[in-house]
């Protein structure tokens, strides 16, 4: 059972410091951290782990796409 090895070697972790980001208005920041749920740390960082794909590059793109989607959702007026 070594099939999981490849996934772990190509997994990426994206960290975004939402609490200290100068480009997020306060209401968007608050919604973003609330929507991030368990992915938000106590320090206000959002951590997204991506391991769906076989290459690290594709996982990096996937993590970034998921972060952008989360920020867009938080930025939409409630």
PDB file of N, CA and C in Angstrom:
ATOM      1  N   UNK A   1       0.756  -1.199   0.000  1.00  0.00           N
ATOM      2  CA  UNK A   1       0.000   0.000   0.000  1.00  0.00           C
ATOM      3  C   UNK A   1       0.795   1.261   0.000  1.00  0.00           C
ATOM      4  N   UNK A   2       1.576   1.547  -1.032  1.00  0.00           N
ATOM      5  CA  UNK A   2       2.311   2.812  -1.092  1.00  0.00           C
ATOM      6  C   UNK A   2       1.664   3.845  -1.993  1.00  0.00           C
ATOM      7  N   UNK A   3       0.391   3.644  -2.336  1.00  0.00           N
ATOM      8  CA  UNK A   3      -0.267   4.569  -3.263  1.00  0.00           C
ATOM      9  C   UNK A   3      -0.409   5.974  -2.696  1.00  0.00           C
ATOM     10  N   UNK A   4      -0.502   6.099  -1.378  1.00  0.00           N
ATOM     11  CA  UNK A   4      -0.719   7.406  -0.767  1.00  0.00           C
ATOM     12  C   UNK A   4       0.542   8.260  -0.757  1.00  0.00           C
ATOM     13  N   UNK A   5       1.694   7.638  -0.952  1.00  0.00           N
ATOM     14  CA  UNK A   5       2.965   8.359  -0.903  1.00  0.00           C
ATOM     15  C   UNK A   5       3.008   9.488  -1.914  1.00  0.00           C
ATOM     16  N   UNK A   6       2.587   9.209  -3.156  1.00  0.00           N
ATOM     17  CA  UNK A   6       2.639  10.228  -4.195  1.00  0.00           C
ATOM     18  C   UNK A   6       1.767  11.423  -3.862  1.00  0.00           C
ATOM     19  N   UNK A   7       0.605  11.182  -3.291  1.00  0.00           N
ATOM     20  CA  UNK A   7      -0.282  12.284  -2.928  1.00  0.00           C
ATOM     21  C   UNK A   7       0.371  13.185  -1.883  1.00  0.00           C
ATOM     22  N   UNK A   8       1.003  12.584  -0.893  1.00  0.00           N
ATOM     23  CA  UNK A   8       1.605  13.372   0.180  1.00  0.00           C
ATOM     24  C   UNK A   8       2.806  14.158  -0.326  1.00  0.00           C
ATOM     25  N   UNK A   9       3.539  13.606  -1.274  1.00  0.00           N
ATOM     26  CA  UNK A   9       4.706  14.301  -1.804  1.00  0.00           C
ATOM     27  C   UNK A   9       4.319  15.503  -2.655  1.00  0.00           C
ATOM     28  N   UNK A  10       3.132  15.476  -3.243  1.00  0.00           N
ATOM     29  CA  UNK A  10       2.728  16.578  -4.115  1.00  0.00           C
ATOM     30  C   UNK A  10       1.722  17.517  -3.444  1.00  0.00           C
ATOM     31  N   UNK A  11       1.348  17.221  -2.206  1.00  0.00           N
ATOM     32  CA  UNK A  11       0.396  18.083  -1.497  1.00  0.00           C
ATOM     33  C   UNK A  11       1.021  19.448  -1.239  1.00  0.00           C
ATOM     34  N   UNK A  12       0.196  20.490  -1.302  1.00  0.00           N
ATOM     35  CA  UNK A  12       0.668  21.841  -0.979  1.00  0.00           C
ATOM     36  C   UNK A  12      -0.243  22.456   0.069  1.00  0.00           C
ATOM     37  N   UNK A  13       0.324  23.392   0.814  1.00  0.00           N
ATOM     38  CA  UNK A  13      -0.446  24.103   1.826  1.00  0.00           C
ATOM     39  C   UNK A  13      -0.292  25.595   1.544  1.00  0.00           C
ATOM     40  N   UNK A  14      -1.414  26.248   1.303  1.00  0.00           N
ATOM     41  CA  UNK A  14      -1.414  27.679   1.017  1.00  0.00           C
ATOM     42  C   UNK A  14      -1.858  28.405   2.278  1.00  0.00           C
ATOM     43  N   UNK A  15      -1.095  29.421   2.682  1.00  0.00           N
ATOM     44  CA  UNK A  15      -1.444  30.209   3.862  1.00  0.00           C
ATOM     45  C   UNK A  15      -1.667  31.657   3.439  1.00  0.00           C
ATOM     46  N   UNK A  16      -2.777  32.220   3.877  1.00  0.00           N
ATOM     47  CA  UNK A  16      -3.114  33.615   3.555  1.00  0.00           C
ATOM     48  C   UNK A  16      -3.434  34.332   4.856  1.00  0.00           C
ATOM     49  N   UNK A  17      -2.693  35.385   5.141  1.00  0.00           N
ATOM     50  CA  UNK A  17      -2.878  36.145   6.378  1.00  0.00           C
ATOM     51  C   UNK A  17      -4.031  37.136   6.188  1.00  0.00           C
ATOM     52  N   UNK A  18      -5.252  36.643   6.367  1.00  0.00           N
ATOM     53  CA  UNK A  18      -6.447  37.456   6.125  1.00  0.00           C
ATOM     54  C   UNK A  18      -6.558  38.605   7.119  1.00  0.00           C
ATOM     55  N   UNK A  19      -6.235  38.344   8.383  1.00  0.00           N
ATOM     56  CA  UNK A  19      -6.390  39.367   9.423  1.00  0.00           C
ATOM     57  C   UNK A  19      -5.545  40.602   9.148  1.00  0.00           C
ATOM     58  N   UNK A  20      -4.349  40.425   8.574  1.00  0.00           N
ATOM     59  CA  UNK A  20      -3.444  41.553   8.351  1.00  0.00           C
ATOM     60  C   UNK A  20      -3.342  41.985   6.897  1.00  0.00           C
ATOM     61  N   UNK A  21      -4.233  41.494   6.053  1.00  0.00           N
ATOM     62  CA  UNK A  21      -4.178  41.870   4.642  1.00  0.00           C
ATOM     63  C   UNK A  21      -4.690  43.295   4.441  1.00  0.00           C
ATOM     64  N   UNK A  22      -3.831  44.178   3.899  1.00  0.00           N
ATOM     65  CA  UNK A  22      -4.265  45.574   3.692  1.00  0.00           C
ATOM     66  C   UNK A  22      -5.284  45.719   2.562  1.00  0.00           C
ATOM     67  N   UNK A  23      -5.423  44.690   1.717  1.00  0.00           N
ATOM     68  CA  UNK A  23      -6.325  44.824   0.571  1.00  0.00           C
ATOM     69  C   UNK A  23      -7.753  44.373   0.858  1.00  0.00           C
ATOM     70  N   UNK A  24      -8.024  43.905   2.074  1.00  0.00           N
ATOM     71  CA  UNK A  24      -9.384  43.472   2.401  1.00  0.00           C
ATOM     72  C   UNK A  24     -10.064  44.488   3.311  1.00  0.00           C
ATOM     73  N   UNK A  25     -11.230  45.004   2.886  1.00  0.00           N
ATOM     74  CA  UNK A  25     -11.994  45.877   3.785  1.00  0.00           C
ATOM     75  C   UNK A  25     -12.465  45.071   5.005  1.00  0.00           C
ATOM     76  N   UNK A  26     -12.652  45.723   6.127  1.00  0.00           N
ATOM     77  CA  UNK A  26     -12.991  45.045   7.380  1.00  0.00           C
ATOM     78  C   UNK A  26     -14.205  44.112   7.282  1.00  0.00           C
ATOM     79  N   UNK A  27     -15.329  44.541   6.675  1.00  0.00           N
ATOM     80  CA  UNK A  27     -16.487  43.625   6.599  1.00  0.00           C
ATOM     81  C   UNK A  27     -16.174  42.353   5.796  1.00  0.00           C
ATOM     82  N   UNK A  28     -15.397  42.491   4.715  1.00  0.00           N
ATOM     83  CA  UNK A  28     -15.029  41.338   3.888  1.00  0.00           C
ATOM     84  C   UNK A  28     -14.118  40.417   4.699  1.00  0.00           C
ATOM     85  N   UNK A  29     -13.169  40.997   5.425  1.00  0.00           N
ATOM     86  CA  UNK A  29     -12.240  40.217   6.255  1.00  0.00           C
ATOM     87  C   UNK A  29     -13.014  39.398   7.283  1.00  0.00           C
ATOM     88  N   UNK A  30     -13.983  40.024   7.945  1.00  0.00           N
ATOM     89  CA  UNK A  30     -14.766  39.324   8.966  1.00  0.00           C
ATOM     90  C   UNK A  30     -15.567  38.174   8.347  1.00  0.00           C
ATOM     91  N   UNK A  31     -16.220  38.439   7.192  1.00  0.00           N
ATOM     92  CA  UNK A  31     -16.989  37.378   6.524  1.00  0.00           C
ATOM     93  C   UNK A  31     -16.076  36.252   6.051  1.00  0.00           C
ATOM     94  N   UNK A  32     -14.908  36.631   5.515  1.00  0.00           N
ATOM     95  CA  UNK A  32     -13.956  35.641   5.007  1.00  0.00           C
ATOM     96  C   UNK A  32     -13.502  34.702   6.123  1.00  0.00           C
ATOM     97  N   UNK A  33     -13.147  35.254   7.263  1.00  0.00           N
ATOM     98  CA  UNK A  33     -12.686  34.422   8.379  1.00  0.00           C
ATOM     99  C   UNK A  33     -13.824  33.541   8.906  1.00  0.00           C
ATOM    100  N   UNK A  34     -15.031  34.089   8.914  1.00  0.00           N
ATOM    101  CA  UNK A  34     -16.181  33.296   9.369  1.00  0.00           C
ATOM    102  C   UNK A  34     -16.466  32.156   8.388  1.00  0.00           C
ATOM    103  N   UNK A  35     -16.414  32.464   7.089  1.00  0.00           N
ATOM    104  CA  UNK A  35     -16.699  31.458   6.071  1.00  0.00           C
ATOM    105  C   UNK A  35     -15.605  30.398   5.983  1.00  0.00           C
ATOM    106  N   UNK A  36     -14.387  30.767   6.328  1.00  0.00           N
ATOM    107  CA  UNK A  36     -13.265  29.827   6.253  1.00  0.00           C
ATOM    108  C   UNK A  36     -13.411  28.724   7.294  1.00  0.00           C
ATOM    109  N   UNK A  37     -14.126  29.001   8.374  1.00  0.00           N
ATOM    110  CA  UNK A  37     -14.390  27.982   9.386  1.00  0.00           C
ATOM    111  C   UNK A  37     -13.129  27.369   9.953  1.00  0.00           C
ATOM    112  N   UNK A  38     -13.042  26.036   9.893  1.00  0.00           N
ATOM    113  CA  UNK A  38     -11.897  25.320  10.468  1.00  0.00           C
ATOM    114  C   UNK A  38     -10.585  25.592   9.731  1.00  0.00           C
ATOM    115  N   UNK A  39     -10.659  26.197   8.539  1.00  0.00           N
ATOM    116  CA  UNK A  39      -9.437  26.512   7.794  1.00  0.00           C
ATOM    117  C   UNK A  39      -8.770  27.780   8.305  1.00  0.00           C
ATOM    118  N   UNK A  40      -9.474  28.541   9.170  1.00  0.00           N
ATOM    119  CA  UNK A  40      -8.895  29.765   9.731  1.00  0.00           C
ATOM    120  C   UNK A  40      -8.210  29.433  11.057  1.00  0.00           C
ATOM    121  N   UNK A  41      -7.008  29.988  11.235  1.00  0.00           N
ATOM    122  CA  UNK A  41      -6.277  29.768  12.483  1.00  0.00           C
ATOM    123  C   UNK A  41      -6.658  30.857  13.482  1.00  0.00           C
ATOM    124  N   UNK A  42      -6.261  30.678  14.723  1.00  0.00           N
ATOM    125  CA  UNK A  42      -6.516  31.691  15.749  1.00  0.00           C
ATOM    126  C   UNK A  42      -5.824  33.001  15.441  1.00  0.00           C
ATOM    127  N   UNK A  43      -4.739  32.936  14.647  1.00  0.00           N
ATOM    128  CA  UNK A  43      -3.985  34.143  14.293  1.00  0.00           C
ATOM    129  C   UNK A  43      -4.574  34.855  13.072  1.00  0.00           C
ATOM    130  N   UNK A  44      -5.684  34.324  12.527  1.00  0.00           N
ATOM    131  CA  UNK A  44      -6.326  34.978  11.383  1.00  0.00           C
ATOM    132  C   UNK A  44      -5.762  34.569  10.037  1.00  0.00           C
ATOM    133  N   UNK A  45      -5.047  33.464   9.984  1.00  0.00           N
ATOM    134  CA  UNK A  45      -4.548  32.950   8.717  1.00  0.00           C
ATOM    135  C   UNK A  45      -5.527  31.926   8.177  1.00  0.00           C
ATOM    136  N   UNK A  46      -5.660  31.886   6.860  1.00  0.00           N
ATOM    137  CA  UNK A  46      -6.484  30.855   6.229  1.00  0.00           C
ATOM    138  C   UNK A  46      -5.508  29.848   5.620  1.00  0.00           C
ATOM    139  N   UNK A  47      -5.709  28.587   5.959  1.00  0.00           N
ATOM    140  CA  UNK A  47      -4.823  27.519   5.481  1.00  0.00           C
ATOM    141  C   UNK A  47      -5.634  26.601   4.573  1.00  0.00           C
ATOM    142  N   UNK A  48      -5.188  26.482   3.331  1.00  0.00           N
ATOM    143  CA  UNK A  48      -5.858  25.597   2.373  1.00  0.00           C
ATOM    144  C   UNK A  48      -4.858  24.530   1.946  1.00  0.00           C
ATOM    145  N   UNK A  49      -5.230  23.272   2.155  1.00  0.00           N
ATOM    146  CA  UNK A  49      -4.388  22.152   1.748  1.00  0.00           C
ATOM    147  C   UNK A  49      -4.977  21.547   0.487  1.00  0.00           C
ATOM    148  N   UNK A  50      -4.132  21.363  -0.530  1.00  0.00           N
ATOM    149  CA  UNK A  50      -4.584  20.785  -1.790  1.00  0.00           C
ATOM    150  C   UNK A  50      -3.741  19.559  -2.103  1.00  0.00           C
ATOM    151  N   UNK A  51      -4.422  18.435  -2.363  1.00  0.00           N
ATOM    152  CA  UNK A  51      -3.708  17.207  -2.721  1.00  0.00           C
ATOM    153  C   UNK A  51      -4.508  16.351  -3.684  1.00  0.00           C
ATOM    154  N   UNK A  52      -5.410  16.999  -4.423  1.00  0.00           N
ATOM    155  CA  UNK A  52      -6.261  16.258  -5.365  1.00  0.00           C
ATOM    156  C   UNK A  52      -5.503  15.736  -6.574  1.00  0.00           C
ATOM    157  N   UNK A  53      -4.468  16.483  -6.972  1.00  0.00           N
ATOM    158  CA  UNK A  53      -3.801  16.189  -8.243  1.00  0.00           C
ATOM    159  C   UNK A  53      -2.442  15.532  -8.030  1.00  0.00           C
ATOM    160  N   UNK A  54      -1.907  14.986  -9.120  1.00  0.00           N
ATOM    161  CA  UNK A  54      -0.641  14.245  -9.027  1.00  0.00           C
ATOM    162  C   UNK A  54       0.589  15.152  -9.045  1.00  0.00           C
ATOM    163  N   UNK A  55       0.428  16.399  -9.505  1.00  0.00           N
ATOM    164  CA  UNK A  55       1.595  17.293  -9.542  1.00  0.00           C
ATOM    165  C   UNK A  55       1.446  18.405  -8.518  1.00  0.00           C
ATOM    166  N   UNK A  56       2.573  18.795  -7.986  1.00  0.00           N
ATOM    167  CA  UNK A  56       2.588  19.882  -7.000  1.00  0.00           C
ATOM    168  C   UNK A  56       2.094  21.183  -7.637  1.00  0.00           C
ATOM    169  N   UNK A  57       2.490  21.414  -8.891  1.00  0.00           N
ATOM    170  CA  UNK A  57       2.089  22.637  -9.591  1.00  0.00           C
ATOM    171  C   UNK A  57       0.560  22.730  -9.709  1.00  0.00           C
ATOM    172  N   UNK A  58      -0.077  21.624 -10.086  1.00  0.00           N
ATOM    173  CA  UNK A  58      -1.542  21.621 -10.240  1.00  0.00           C
ATOM    174  C   UNK A  58      -2.218  21.790  -8.881  1.00  0.00           C
ATOM    175  N   UNK A  59      -1.650  21.201  -7.833  1.00  0.00           N
ATOM    176  CA  UNK A  59      -2.205  21.377  -6.498  1.00  0.00           C
ATOM    177  C   UNK A  59      -2.067  22.826  -6.035  1.00  0.00           C
ATOM    178  N   UNK A  60      -0.960  23.456  -6.412  1.00  0.00           N
ATOM    179  CA  UNK A  60      -0.752  24.870  -6.071  1.00  0.00           C
ATOM    180  C   UNK A  60      -1.839  25.721  -6.733  1.00  0.00           C
ATOM    181  N   UNK A  61      -2.099  25.457  -8.009  1.00  0.00           N
ATOM    182  CA  UNK A  61      -3.147  26.189  -8.743  1.00  0.00           C
ATOM    183  C   UNK A  61      -4.514  25.949  -8.093  1.00  0.00           C
ATOM    184  N   UNK A  62      -4.775  24.707  -7.714  1.00  0.00           N
ATOM    185  CA  UNK A  62      -6.048  24.338  -7.095  1.00  0.00           C
ATOM    186  C   UNK A  62      -6.246  25.101  -5.778  1.00  0.00           C
ATOM    187  N   UNK A  63      -5.206  25.152  -4.957  1.00  0.00           N
ATOM    188  CA  UNK A  63      -5.303  25.853  -3.671  1.00  0.00           C
ATOM    189  C   UNK A  63      -5.574  27.332  -3.892  1.00  0.00           C
ATOM    190  N   UNK A  64      -4.879  27.931  -4.866  1.00  0.00           N
ATOM    191  CA  UNK A  64      -5.064  29.355  -5.154  1.00  0.00           C
ATOM    192  C   UNK A  64      -6.472  29.626  -5.677  1.00  0.00           C
ATOM    193  N   UNK A  65      -6.965  28.749  -6.563  1.00  0.00           N
ATOM    194  CA  UNK A  65      -8.327  28.905  -7.093  1.00  0.00           C
ATOM    195  C   UNK A  65      -9.353  28.832  -5.963  1.00  0.00           C
ATOM    196  N   UNK A  66      -9.143  27.921  -5.019  1.00  0.00           N
ATOM    197  CA  UNK A  66     -10.083  27.779  -3.898  1.00  0.00           C
ATOM    198  C   UNK A  66     -10.044  29.001  -2.982  1.00  0.00           C
ATOM    199  N   UNK A  67      -8.843  29.581  -2.779  1.00  0.00           N
ATOM    200  CA  UNK A  67      -8.744  30.794  -1.961  1.00  0.00           C
ATOM    201  C   UNK A  67      -9.454  31.960  -2.645  1.00  0.00           C
ATOM    202  N   UNK A  68      -9.211  32.117  -3.937  1.00  0.00           N
ATOM    203  CA  UNK A  68      -9.840  33.209  -4.689  1.00  0.00           C
ATOM    204  C   UNK A  68     -11.370  33.069  -4.661  1.00  0.00           C
ATOM    205  N   UNK A  69     -11.868  31.842  -4.804  1.00  0.00           N
ATOM    206  CA  UNK A  69     -13.317  31.613  -4.765  1.00  0.00           C
ATOM    207  C   UNK A  69     -13.884  31.985  -3.399  1.00  0.00           C
ATOM    208  N   UNK A  70     -13.157  31.643  -2.338  1.00  0.00           N
ATOM    209  CA  UNK A  70     -13.606  31.963  -0.982  1.00  0.00           C
ATOM    210  C   UNK A  70     -13.628  33.489  -0.782  1.00  0.00           C
ATOM    211  N   UNK A  71     -12.604  34.179  -1.248  1.00  0.00           N
ATOM    212  CA  UNK A  71     -12.543  35.647  -1.107  1.00  0.00           C
ATOM    213  C   UNK A  71     -13.661  36.298  -1.920  1.00  0.00           C
ATOM    214  N   UNK A  72     -13.895  35.795  -3.142  1.00  0.00           N
ATOM    215  CA  UNK A  72     -14.985  36.358  -3.966  1.00  0.00           C
ATOM    216  C   UNK A  72     -16.338  36.191  -3.267  1.00  0.00           C
ATOM    217  N   UNK A  73     -16.543  35.016  -2.678  1.00  0.00           N
ATOM    218  CA  UNK A  73     -17.797  34.749  -1.994  1.00  0.00           C
ATOM    219  C   UNK A  73     -17.964  35.686  -0.799  1.00  0.00           C
ATOM    220  N   UNK A  74     -16.876  35.919  -0.062  1.00  0.00           N
ATOM    221  CA  UNK A  74     -16.914  36.810   1.092  1.00  0.00           C
ATOM    222  C   UNK A  74     -17.102  38.263   0.677  1.00  0.00           C
ATOM    223  N   UNK A  75     -16.598  38.619  -0.508  1.00  0.00           N
ATOM    224  CA  UNK A  75     -16.669  40.012  -0.978  1.00  0.00           C
ATOM    225  C   UNK A  75     -18.053  40.356  -1.533  1.00  0.00           C
ATOM    226  N   UNK A  76     -18.830  39.342  -1.908  1.00  0.00           N
ATOM    227  CA  UNK A  76     -20.183  39.598  -2.428  1.00  0.00           C
ATOM    228  C   UNK A  76     -21.039  40.173  -1.313  1.00  0.00           C
ATOM    229  N   UNK A  77     -21.824  41.192  -1.609  1.00  0.00           N
ATOM    230  CA  UNK A  77     -22.673  41.778  -0.574  1.00  0.00           C
ATOM    231  C   UNK A  77     -23.614  40.733   0.039  1.00  0.00           C
ATOM    232  N   UNK A  78     -23.741  40.736   1.354  1.00  0.00           N
ATOM    233  CA  UNK A  78     -24.590  39.722   2.016  1.00  0.00           C
ATOM    234  C   UNK A  78     -26.065  39.885   1.678  1.00  0.00           C
TER     235      UNK A  78
END
